[in-house]
Amino acid sequence: MSHSSENVNYGPVLFQYDLYPEKIEAFGKVKKVISRRGTFALKETSLNEEESNWFTHVVHRLSEIGYHQVVPLYPTKYGDYTVQHGNKTYYLMPWFAGGERLGQTREEVMIDEIGKIHYLTLKEQDFSPEVVDHSFQYLMQRWETRQLEMERFAEESERMPYMSPFELTYLSHFHHMMKMAEEAKRRLKDWYDACHAEKRYRSALCHGKLSRNHLLFSHHGEPHLLNFEKAVLDTPVRDLAIFFRKAVHHSNWTREEGGRLLSLYQRHIPLLEEEKSLLVSYMSYPEPIFNSVDLYRHKRERFSQIEFVHRLEKRISAMRHIRDFCDLILTPPPPEPLDMNENTDHI
């Protein structure tokens, strides 16, 4: 048996599947296991027992309710779907050679599949003022704390006798970032007020960590989603915000493309007005920019100033795309054309 990239002994894990590998290739946390029985994907995770049980429940539950586009899990010879070894948890899946679906982008397929999952699991929750209040207060407090941290960094940078290129770039966009943060908080308040007024709140099973890398295609071109380790019951807006925040980074992104993708999703679930406010709120908050500042402050030795500035400018550009897209989301649809023959008196 040959190993590439690693010297980790996966024998005790694979033994539980009666797999005796001839070769193991590492692709990050996924190991390609080549054996006489076929080729498999072994995923390494840090899931604890409770998280492992929830993860396997989610995968099986989706199959039970009629969604079969999840990469399946193989059981061990003892009937378990995860294996704990050392401080890691593993699970085994079929290996997908990769490919694309002709005629559709990965984003189109992904948003369509997530729409199907949300539709199958959507539930109108019993309205609880306490739950809505807690969600609102928790997020508002977190955002305000983050804003204070970023304001302190701006003040520290201004006091520097010689500012770095990163600090100069950050300060030149600081006012705009704070405006976006305030807009996010206003939209969050709109969602909060609407929830109390309408006394409704919807939840669905959210993937929790949507990424282009979590969409695979069979050799027939059938899509399959994987990595439901962060799946959670939450507002469907959670997945949408993650999806669109990543989509705006692609070179072919336009505000119209975003609108088309959202329309594709809404063929499955039309968003409520308060959910649109929440989506705009989630996307408008400039957390990706703040994360760039955190990286600069705490791991300054890892990258050059040019790399830090490039990362920051890329995220600032993405937030501009998001702002334009949010304007589109909040634009009321055009009025229905009048039927000139309706209510016409005939002589």
Protein backbone atom coordinates (compact mmCIF):
# COMPACT_ATOMS: atom_id res chain seq x y z
CA MET A 1 0.00 0.00 0.00
CA SER A 2 1.28 3.47 -0.83
CA HIS A 3 0.48 6.78 0.80
CA SER A 4 1.01 10.21 -0.68
CA SER A 5 1.25 13.54 1.15
CA GLU A 6 0.77 12.03 4.63
CA ASN A 7 2.14 9.39 6.99
CA VAL A 8 -1.05 9.00 9.04
CA ASN A 9 -2.16 5.43 9.67
CA TYR A 10 -5.78 5.13 8.55
CA GLY A 11 -5.72 1.35 8.86
CA PRO A 12 -7.70 1.17 12.15
CA VAL A 13 -10.42 3.38 10.64
CA LEU A 14 -10.66 1.58 7.30
CA PHE A 15 -10.61 -1.81 9.03
CA GLN A 16 -14.07 -1.00 10.39
CA TYR A 17 -15.27 -0.85 6.78
CA ASP A 18 -13.34 -3.99 5.80
CA LEU A 19 -11.31 -1.82 3.46
CA TYR A 20 -7.66 -2.60 2.78
CA PRO A 21 -6.29 0.29 0.72
CA GLU A 22 -3.74 -0.06 -2.01
CA LYS A 23 -3.21 3.68 -2.13
CA ILE A 24 -4.36 6.76 -0.21
CA GLU A 25 -4.16 10.25 -1.66
CA ALA A 26 -4.79 13.36 0.44
CA PHE A 27 -7.03 16.19 -0.74
CA GLY A 28 -7.13 18.35 2.36
CA LYS A 29 -9.40 16.70 4.91
CA VAL A 30 -10.69 14.24 2.32
CA LYS A 31 -8.63 11.14 1.58
CA LYS A 32 -9.04 9.25 -1.67
CA VAL A 33 -8.93 5.57 -0.75
CA ILE A 34 -8.15 3.22 -3.63
CA SER A 35 -8.81 -0.46 -2.93
CA ARG A 36 -9.79 -3.66 -4.68
CA ARG A 37 -13.40 -2.98 -3.65
CA GLY A 38 -13.37 0.38 -5.41
CA THR A 39 -12.47 4.01 -4.76
CA PHE A 40 -13.86 5.83 -1.73
CA ALA A 41 -13.67 9.21 0.00
CA LEU A 42 -12.74 9.23 3.69
CA LYS A 43 -13.55 12.54 5.41
CA GLU A 44 -11.70 13.61 8.55
CA THR A 45 -13.60 15.89 10.95
CA SER A 46 -13.53 17.22 14.50
CA LEU A 47 -17.17 16.32 15.21
CA ASN A 48 -17.95 15.22 18.75
CA GLU A 49 -20.45 12.44 19.46
CA GLU A 50 -23.50 14.72 19.63
CA GLU A 51 -22.52 16.51 16.42
CA SER A 52 -21.86 13.19 14.67
CA ASN A 53 -25.30 11.90 15.61
CA TRP A 54 -26.97 15.07 14.31
CA PHE A 55 -24.96 14.97 11.09
CA THR A 56 -25.93 11.37 10.29
CA HIS A 57 -29.55 12.11 11.27
CA VAL A 58 -29.65 15.01 8.78
CA VAL A 59 -28.28 12.93 5.90
CA HIS A 60 -30.72 10.08 6.53
CA ARG A 61 -33.67 12.38 7.18
CA LEU A 62 -33.19 14.14 3.84
CA SER A 63 -33.38 10.78 2.09
CA GLU A 64 -36.52 9.87 4.05
CA ILE A 65 -38.38 13.01 2.95
CA GLY A 66 -37.50 12.50 -0.70
CA TYR A 67 -34.28 14.42 -1.24
CA HIS A 68 -31.75 12.02 -2.74
CA GLN A 69 -29.05 14.40 -3.95
CA VAL A 70 -26.90 14.08 -0.82
CA VAL A 71 -23.63 12.19 -1.08
CA PRO A 72 -24.49 9.00 0.86
CA LEU A 73 -22.64 7.67 3.90
CA TYR A 74 -21.38 4.09 4.04
CA PRO A 75 -21.93 2.18 7.29
CA THR A 76 -19.15 0.28 9.01
CA LYS A 77 -19.44 -3.48 9.39
CA TYR A 78 -20.86 -2.71 12.84
CA GLY A 79 -23.62 -0.47 11.43
CA ASP A 80 -22.13 2.87 12.49
CA TYR A 81 -21.91 5.82 10.10
CA THR A 82 -19.01 7.61 11.77
CA VAL A 83 -15.80 6.31 13.32
CA GLN A 84 -13.99 7.97 16.19
CA HIS A 85 -10.23 7.47 16.20
CA GLY A 86 -7.95 9.51 18.41
CA ASN A 87 -9.35 13.03 18.57
CA LYS A 88 -10.86 12.84 15.06
CA THR A 89 -14.11 11.54 13.61
CA TYR A 90 -14.27 9.96 10.15
CA TYR A 91 -16.96 8.95 7.71
CA LEU A 92 -16.84 7.15 4.37
CA MET A 93 -18.51 8.16 1.10
CA PRO A 94 -18.32 7.19 -2.57
CA TRP A 95 -15.63 8.95 -4.57
CA PHE A 96 -16.89 11.33 -7.24
CA ALA A 97 -14.48 11.77 -10.13
CA GLY A 98 -15.80 15.28 -10.77
CA GLY A 99 -17.47 16.97 -13.67
CA GLU A 100 -20.06 19.58 -14.50
CA ARG A 101 -23.67 19.72 -15.61
CA LEU A 102 -23.83 21.01 -19.15
CA GLY A 103 -25.93 24.12 -19.65
CA GLN A 104 -25.91 25.25 -16.00
CA THR A 105 -23.37 26.97 -13.79
CA ARG A 106 -22.45 25.53 -10.40
CA GLU A 107 -24.20 28.49 -8.77
CA GLU A 108 -27.44 27.76 -10.64
CA VAL A 109 -27.38 24.12 -9.62
CA MET A 110 -26.46 24.88 -6.02
CA ILE A 111 -29.16 27.51 -5.43
CA ASP A 112 -31.73 25.22 -7.05
CA GLU A 113 -30.77 22.28 -4.83
CA ILE A 114 -30.80 24.41 -1.68
CA GLY A 115 -34.23 25.70 -2.67
CA LYS A 116 -35.46 22.09 -2.87
CA ILE A 117 -34.09 21.26 0.59
CA HIS A 118 -35.60 24.38 2.12
CA TYR A 119 -38.96 23.64 0.47
CA LEU A 120 -39.00 20.08 1.83
CA THR A 121 -38.10 21.15 5.37
CA LEU A 122 -39.79 24.56 5.64
CA LYS A 123 -41.86 25.00 8.78
CA GLU A 124 -43.90 27.91 10.08
CA GLN A 125 -42.78 28.13 13.70
CA ASP A 126 -45.10 28.93 16.58
CA PHE A 127 -44.40 32.60 17.11
CA SER A 128 -42.36 33.23 20.25
CA PRO A 129 -41.57 36.86 21.13
CA GLU A 130 -38.81 35.63 23.43
CA VAL A 131 -37.02 33.73 20.63
CA VAL A 132 -37.22 36.67 18.23
CA ASP A 133 -36.11 39.10 20.95
CA HIS A 134 -33.14 36.91 21.85
CA SER A 135 -32.04 36.52 18.21
CA PHE A 136 -32.33 40.26 17.61
CA GLN A 137 -30.53 41.31 20.79
CA TYR A 138 -27.76 38.73 20.41
CA LEU A 139 -26.93 39.71 16.84
CA MET A 140 -27.26 43.45 17.49
CA GLN A 141 -24.94 43.24 20.48
CA ARG A 142 -22.40 41.19 18.54
CA TRP A 143 -22.41 43.62 15.64
CA GLU A 144 -22.04 46.66 17.88
CA THR A 145 -19.13 45.03 19.69
CA ARG A 146 -17.42 44.34 16.37
CA GLN A 147 -17.98 47.93 15.27
CA LEU A 148 -16.31 49.21 18.43
CA GLU A 149 -13.31 46.96 17.75
CA MET A 150 -12.98 48.34 14.23
CA GLU A 151 -13.36 51.93 15.45
CA ARG A 152 -10.55 51.34 17.95
CA PHE A 153 -8.34 49.99 15.17
CA ALA A 154 -9.08 53.10 13.10
CA GLU A 155 -8.14 55.34 16.04
CA GLU A 156 -4.93 53.39 16.65
CA SER A 157 -4.00 53.65 12.98
CA GLU A 158 -4.57 57.41 12.93
CA ARG A 159 -2.19 57.82 15.88
CA MET A 160 0.61 56.01 14.07
CA PRO A 161 3.42 58.36 12.94
CA TYR A 162 3.71 56.35 9.72
CA MET A 163 0.70 54.35 8.63
CA SER A 164 1.14 51.11 6.72
CA PRO A 165 -0.46 50.67 3.27
CA PHE A 166 -3.05 48.40 4.88
CA GLU A 167 -3.97 50.98 7.50
CA LEU A 168 -4.20 53.72 4.88
CA THR A 169 -6.48 51.58 2.72
CA TYR A 170 -8.65 50.69 5.70
CA LEU A 171 -9.04 54.30 6.81
CA SER A 172 -9.89 55.49 3.31
CA HIS A 173 -12.91 53.17 3.32
CA PHE A 174 -13.74 53.32 7.03
CA HIS A 175 -16.66 55.75 6.76
CA HIS A 176 -18.30 53.64 4.04
CA MET A 177 -17.88 50.48 6.13
CA MET A 178 -19.56 52.07 9.11
CA LYS A 179 -22.46 53.18 6.90
CA MET A 180 -22.93 49.60 5.75
CA ALA A 181 -22.87 48.38 9.35
CA GLU A 182 -25.54 50.92 10.30
CA GLU A 183 -27.65 49.90 7.29
CA ALA A 184 -27.38 46.25 8.37
CA LYS A 185 -28.62 47.16 11.86
CA ARG A 186 -31.53 49.17 10.43
CA ARG A 187 -32.60 46.22 8.28
CA LEU A 188 -32.29 43.90 11.26
CA LYS A 189 -34.65 46.21 13.16
CA ASP A 190 -37.05 46.12 10.18
CA TRP A 191 -37.05 42.31 10.38
CA TYR A 192 -37.61 42.41 14.14
CA ASP A 193 -40.54 44.83 13.89
CA ALA A 194 -42.14 42.86 11.04
CA CYS A 195 -41.85 39.57 12.93
CA HIS A 196 -43.69 41.08 15.88
CA ALA A 197 -46.28 42.70 13.63
CA GLU A 198 -46.95 39.59 11.52
CA LYS A 199 -46.32 37.15 14.40
CA ARG A 200 -44.60 34.66 12.14
CA TYR A 201 -41.20 33.09 11.70
CA ARG A 202 -40.14 30.35 9.29
CA SER A 203 -37.32 27.85 9.63
CA ALA A 204 -35.81 25.24 7.33
CA LEU A 205 -32.92 22.83 7.35
CA CYS A 206 -29.89 24.91 6.36
CA HIS A 207 -26.70 23.40 4.99
CA GLY A 208 -24.78 25.91 7.08
CA LYS A 209 -21.54 25.98 5.08
CA LEU A 210 -22.41 26.33 1.41
CA SER A 211 -19.47 26.30 -0.97
CA ARG A 212 -18.84 25.47 -4.61
CA ASN A 213 -16.60 22.67 -3.29
CA HIS A 214 -19.60 21.05 -1.62
CA LEU A 215 -21.33 20.34 -4.93
CA LEU A 216 -20.28 17.24 -6.86
CA PHE A 217 -21.58 15.65 -10.04
CA SER A 218 -21.92 11.98 -10.91
CA HIS A 219 -20.72 10.70 -14.27
CA HIS A 220 -24.35 11.11 -15.40
CA GLY A 221 -24.23 14.82 -14.48
CA GLU A 222 -26.49 14.42 -11.43
CA PRO A 223 -25.72 16.95 -8.67
CA HIS A 224 -24.93 15.84 -5.12
CA LEU A 225 -24.35 17.99 -2.04
CA LEU A 226 -21.98 17.01 0.74
CA ASN A 227 -20.59 18.29 4.03
CA PHE A 228 -23.74 18.73 6.11
CA GLU A 229 -21.59 18.82 9.25
CA LYS A 230 -22.77 22.37 10.05
CA ALA A 231 -26.42 21.75 9.16
CA VAL A 232 -28.87 23.57 11.42
CA LEU A 233 -32.56 24.41 11.67
CA ASP A 234 -32.69 28.15 11.09
CA THR A 235 -34.16 30.82 8.85
CA PRO A 236 -33.58 29.88 5.18
CA VAL A 237 -31.94 33.30 4.83
CA ARG A 238 -28.89 31.86 6.60
CA ASP A 239 -27.93 29.72 3.60
CA LEU A 240 -28.81 32.46 1.11
CA ALA A 241 -26.55 35.01 2.79
CA ILE A 242 -23.61 32.59 2.79
CA PHE A 243 -24.27 31.68 -0.84
CA PHE A 244 -24.49 35.24 -2.18
CA ARG A 245 -21.56 36.53 -0.13
CA LYS A 246 -19.39 34.00 -1.94
CA ALA A 247 -21.05 34.37 -5.33
CA VAL A 248 -20.20 38.08 -5.61
CA HIS A 249 -16.50 37.20 -5.76
CA HIS A 250 -16.86 35.45 -9.12
CA SER A 251 -15.67 37.33 -12.19
CA ASN A 252 -19.01 36.96 -14.01
CA TRP A 253 -21.06 38.42 -11.14
CA THR A 254 -23.53 41.19 -11.88
CA ARG A 255 -26.45 42.49 -9.88
CA GLU A 256 -28.76 41.09 -12.57
CA GLU A 257 -27.13 37.67 -12.25
CA GLY A 258 -27.78 37.82 -8.52
CA GLY A 259 -31.43 38.65 -9.17
CA ARG A 260 -31.71 35.74 -11.58
CA LEU A 261 -30.23 33.30 -9.04
CA LEU A 262 -32.56 34.57 -6.32
CA SER A 263 -35.53 34.14 -8.68
CA LEU A 264 -34.39 30.56 -9.30
CA TYR A 265 -34.47 29.95 -5.54
CA GLN A 266 -37.85 31.63 -5.13
CA ARG A 267 -39.43 29.21 -7.58
CA HIS A 268 -39.26 26.86 -4.59
CA ILE A 269 -39.80 29.32 -1.73
CA PRO A 270 -40.90 32.94 -2.28
CA LEU A 271 -39.30 35.01 0.47
CA LEU A 272 -41.49 36.96 2.87
CA GLU A 273 -40.85 40.70 3.03
CA GLU A 274 -39.30 40.44 6.49
CA GLU A 275 -37.03 37.64 5.23
CA LYS A 276 -35.80 39.96 2.48
CA SER A 277 -34.96 42.54 5.15
CA LEU A 278 -33.08 39.90 7.12
CA LEU A 279 -31.18 38.75 4.02
CA VAL A 280 -30.13 42.33 3.28
CA SER A 281 -29.15 42.76 6.92
CA TYR A 282 -26.96 39.65 6.97
CA MET A 283 -25.25 40.51 3.70
CA SER A 284 -24.78 44.24 4.38
CA TYR A 285 -22.82 43.85 7.59
CA PRO A 286 -19.13 44.19 6.58
CA GLU A 287 -17.90 41.23 8.62
CA PRO A 288 -15.62 39.95 5.79
CA ILE A 289 -13.76 43.28 5.88
CA PHE A 290 -13.52 43.16 9.67
CA ASN A 291 -12.11 39.63 9.40
CA SER A 292 -9.34 40.98 7.16
CA VAL A 293 -8.48 43.45 9.92
CA ASP A 294 -8.38 40.64 12.48
CA LEU A 295 -5.97 38.70 10.28
CA TYR A 296 -3.76 41.76 9.90
CA ARG A 297 -3.74 42.49 13.63
CA HIS A 298 -3.04 38.98 14.87
CA LYS A 299 -1.09 37.27 12.07
CA ARG A 300 0.78 40.14 10.48
CA GLU A 301 3.86 38.03 9.85
CA ARG A 302 2.04 35.58 7.57
CA PHE A 303 1.61 37.87 4.56
CA SER A 304 3.24 40.88 2.96
CA GLN A 305 1.65 44.34 3.03
CA ILE A 306 0.77 43.95 -0.65
CA GLU A 307 -1.06 40.69 0.06
CA PHE A 308 -2.94 42.20 2.99
CA VAL A 309 -3.98 45.23 0.93
CA HIS A 310 -5.06 43.02 -1.97
CA ARG A 311 -7.20 40.89 0.36
CA LEU A 312 -8.79 43.98 1.89
CA GLU A 313 -9.50 45.65 -1.46
CA LYS A 314 -11.01 42.45 -2.83
CA ARG A 315 -13.44 42.29 0.07
CA ILE A 316 -14.29 45.97 -0.18
CA SER A 317 -15.10 45.45 -3.87
CA ALA A 318 -17.28 42.45 -2.98
CA MET A 319 -19.20 44.56 -0.45
CA ARG A 320 -19.92 47.12 -3.18
CA HIS A 321 -21.42 44.34 -5.29
CA ILE A 322 -23.47 43.25 -2.29
CA ARG A 323 -24.77 46.78 -1.73
CA ASP A 324 -25.98 46.97 -5.33
CA PHE A 325 -27.57 43.53 -5.06
CA CYS A 326 -29.32 44.49 -1.81
CA ASP A 327 -30.83 47.50 -3.57
CA LEU A 328 -32.25 45.11 -6.16
CA ILE A 329 -33.69 42.79 -3.49
CA LEU A 330 -35.52 45.68 -1.84
CA THR A 331 -36.84 47.16 -5.09
CA PRO A 332 -40.62 46.57 -5.23
CA PRO A 333 -41.75 44.52 -8.22
CA PRO A 334 -43.32 46.52 -11.05
CA PRO A 335 -47.12 46.82 -10.87
CA GLU A 336 -49.19 44.36 -12.83
CA PRO A 337 -50.23 45.78 -16.21
CA LEU A 338 -53.81 46.96 -16.31
CA ASP A 339 -56.27 44.94 -18.34
CA MET A 340 -57.88 47.58 -20.53
CA ASN A 341 -60.82 45.28 -21.22
CA GLU A 342 -61.60 44.80 -17.56
CA ASN A 343 -64.57 46.70 -16.10
CA THR A 344 -65.27 48.30 -19.49
CA ASP A 345 -68.87 49.28 -20.15
CA HIS A 346 -70.10 47.81 -23.40
CA ILE A 347 -72.77 49.77 -25.28
